[in-house]
Amino acid sequence: MTRIRDVVRQALTTGYLTVEAENQLRQLLTTRYDLEDFNAFMTLQEAAMNGKVKQQSREQCGIK
């Protein structure tokens, strides 16, 4: 089973978060997860806020 940290690692590596990955994260966040997954998600949030990871969903909406 995929973990939050795996999805985050992919996004941080590519610098891009796809719509599919966002949906996967939403689903994973509704299940039980550990501290490492929580910390990975927070790292992704920070990277997105700082522009280190672009979000496909925001590009589709025209939000930068």
Protein backbone atom coordinates (compact mmCIF):
# COMPACT_ATOMS: atom_id res chain seq x y z
CA MET A 1 0.00 0.00 0.00
CA THR A 2 1.20 3.47 -0.81
CA ARG A 3 2.03 5.73 2.10
CA ILE A 4 1.81 9.49 2.40
CA ARG A 5 5.60 9.73 2.57
CA ASP A 6 5.89 7.92 -0.78
CA VAL A 7 3.58 10.39 -2.53
CA VAL A 8 5.43 13.29 -0.89
CA ARG A 9 8.83 11.91 -1.86
CA GLN A 10 7.74 11.73 -5.50
CA ALA A 11 6.43 15.30 -5.46
CA LEU A 12 9.58 16.64 -3.81
CA THR A 13 11.78 14.75 -6.28
CA THR A 14 9.95 16.01 -9.35
CA GLY A 15 8.96 19.40 -7.97
CA TYR A 16 5.43 18.70 -9.15
CA LEU A 17 2.25 17.45 -7.48
CA THR A 18 -0.24 15.97 -9.94
CA VAL A 19 -3.99 16.03 -9.49
CA GLU A 20 -3.87 12.25 -9.10
CA ALA A 21 -1.30 12.55 -6.31
CA GLU A 22 -3.40 15.20 -4.56
CA ASN A 23 -6.41 12.91 -4.69
CA GLN A 24 -4.31 10.05 -3.39
CA LEU A 25 -3.14 12.21 -0.49
CA ARG A 26 -6.71 13.18 0.33
CA GLN A 27 -7.64 9.51 0.50
CA LEU A 28 -4.58 8.56 2.55
CA LEU A 29 -5.23 11.36 5.02
CA THR A 30 -8.61 9.83 5.86
CA THR A 31 -6.89 6.68 7.11
CA ARG A 32 -4.59 6.09 10.05
CA TYR A 33 -1.07 7.33 9.46
CA ASP A 34 2.05 7.65 11.57
CA LEU A 35 4.20 10.60 12.62
CA GLU A 36 6.61 10.11 9.73
CA ASP A 37 3.75 10.44 7.24
CA PHE A 38 2.42 13.50 9.07
CA ASN A 39 5.85 15.14 8.99
CA ALA A 40 6.23 14.30 5.29
CA PHE A 41 2.88 15.93 4.55
CA MET A 42 3.89 19.05 6.48
CA THR A 43 7.14 19.17 4.50
CA LEU A 44 5.14 19.02 1.28
CA GLN A 45 2.87 21.83 2.46
CA GLU A 46 5.89 24.01 3.19
CA ALA A 47 7.50 23.18 -0.16
CA ALA A 48 4.30 24.10 -1.99
CA MET A 49 3.98 27.39 -0.09
CA ASN A 50 7.59 28.25 -0.89
CA GLY A 51 7.20 27.43 -4.58
CA LYS A 52 9.49 24.40 -4.50
CA VAL A 53 6.63 22.13 -5.56
CA LYS A 54 4.11 23.20 -8.18
CA GLN A 55 0.54 21.90 -8.04
CA GLN A 56 -1.10 20.77 -11.25
CA SER A 57 -4.54 21.63 -9.88
CA ARG A 58 -3.52 25.25 -9.33
CA GLU A 59 -2.06 25.51 -12.81
CA GLN A 60 -5.32 24.24 -14.29
CA CYS A 61 -7.24 26.93 -12.41
CA GLY A 62 -4.78 29.64 -13.37
CA ILE A 63 -3.63 30.14 -9.73
CA LYS A 64 0.06 30.70 -9.23
